[in-house]
């Protein structure tokens, strides 16, 4: 993972990932790990809001970017959820 940031309803990740691997498997693994961690650390708070141990939807959006540098992509991710930018 090169950069991570997000907004109130989604996250932005900049990753370096081999093209021969299934991206869907990576996303599913990351969501499962994050969900387990969140439930382990914040079970009392989450159980007040969620009736099931489901934290993420199964959906995701992936885009590739051409014509920009890695530094420009990193800056884009870093600038998320900053209303003054």
Protein backbone atom coordinates (compact mmCIF):
# COMPACT_ATOMS: atom_id res chain seq x y z
CA UNK A 1 0.00 0.00 0.00
CA UNK A 2 1.49 3.29 -1.09
CA UNK A 3 -1.18 5.65 0.27
CA UNK A 4 -4.40 5.37 2.26
CA UNK A 5 -7.02 8.00 3.02
CA UNK A 6 -10.74 8.36 2.78
CA UNK A 7 -13.96 10.16 3.31
CA UNK A 8 -16.90 9.48 5.60
CA UNK A 9 -18.40 6.83 3.32
CA UNK A 10 -15.44 5.34 1.43
CA UNK A 11 -11.67 5.00 1.35
CA UNK A 12 -9.02 5.66 -1.26
CA UNK A 13 -6.08 3.27 -1.58
CA UNK A 14 -3.05 3.58 -3.80
CA UNK A 15 -1.54 0.13 -4.12
CA UNK A 16 1.15 -1.61 -6.09
CA UNK A 17 -0.21 -5.01 -7.04
CA UNK A 18 1.00 -7.69 -9.49
CA UNK A 19 -1.29 -7.92 -12.54
CA UNK A 20 -1.35 -11.73 -12.51
CA UNK A 21 -3.14 -11.83 -9.13
CA UNK A 22 -6.90 -11.47 -8.72
CA UNK A 23 -7.68 -7.99 -7.49
CA UNK A 24 -11.06 -9.18 -6.21
CA UNK A 25 -9.25 -11.54 -3.81
CA UNK A 26 -7.09 -8.72 -2.47
CA UNK A 27 -10.13 -6.47 -1.91
CA UNK A 28 -12.11 -9.26 -0.21
CA UNK A 29 -9.16 -10.07 2.06
CA UNK A 30 -8.61 -6.43 3.00
CA UNK A 31 -12.31 -5.95 3.81
CA UNK A 32 -12.47 -9.14 5.88
CA UNK A 33 -9.35 -8.24 7.84
CA UNK A 34 -10.53 -4.67 8.45
CA UNK A 35 -13.96 -5.86 9.56
CA UNK A 36 -12.53 -8.41 12.01
CA UNK A 37 -10.16 -5.80 13.43
CA UNK A 38 -12.90 -3.20 13.83
CA UNK A 39 -15.23 -5.67 15.55
CA UNK A 40 -12.47 -6.91 17.85
CA UNK A 41 -11.48 -3.38 18.91
CA UNK A 42 -14.89 -1.65 18.91
CA UNK A 43 -17.46 -4.39 19.50
CA UNK A 44 -19.40 -2.49 22.16
CA UNK A 45 -19.81 0.60 19.99
CA UNK A 46 -20.50 -1.27 16.74
CA UNK A 47 -23.07 -3.62 18.25
CA UNK A 48 -25.19 -0.56 19.11
CA UNK A 49 -25.42 0.29 15.39
CA UNK A 50 -25.10 -3.04 13.57
CA UNK A 51 -27.23 -6.12 14.26
CA UNK A 52 -24.93 -8.38 12.21
CA UNK A 53 -21.16 -8.58 12.06
CA UNK A 54 -21.12 -7.06 8.61
CA UNK A 55 -19.09 -3.91 8.16
CA UNK A 56 -18.54 -3.54 4.40
CA UNK A 57 -20.67 -4.10 1.34
CA UNK A 58 -19.40 -6.55 -1.25
CA UNK A 59 -18.97 -3.80 -3.82
CA UNK A 60 -15.85 -1.88 -4.75
CA UNK A 61 -14.59 0.44 -7.48
CA UNK A 62 -11.17 0.12 -9.07
CA UNK A 63 -9.61 2.49 -11.59
CA UNK A 64 -6.25 2.57 -13.25
CA UNK A 65 -4.61 5.90 -13.97
CA UNK A 66 -2.48 6.80 -16.92
CA UNK A 67 -0.78 10.06 -17.72
CA UNK A 68 -0.09 11.03 -14.12
CA UNK A 69 2.87 10.40 -11.86
CA UNK A 70 2.84 8.35 -8.67
CA UNK A 71 3.45 11.60 -6.77
CA UNK A 72 0.31 13.15 -8.30
CA UNK A 73 -1.72 10.08 -7.30
CA UNK A 74 -0.32 10.17 -3.77
CA UNK A 75 -1.23 13.85 -3.49
CA UNK A 76 -4.78 13.11 -4.69
CA UNK A 77 -5.23 10.41 -2.04
CA UNK A 78 -3.69 12.59 0.68
CA UNK A 79 -6.06 15.44 -0.19
CA UNK A 80 -9.24 13.43 0.32
CA UNK A 81 -11.73 14.68 2.92
CA UNK A 82 -10.08 18.11 3.12
CA UNK A 83 -12.69 20.76 2.29
CA UNK A 84 -10.07 23.52 2.11
CA UNK A 85 -8.26 21.92 -0.87
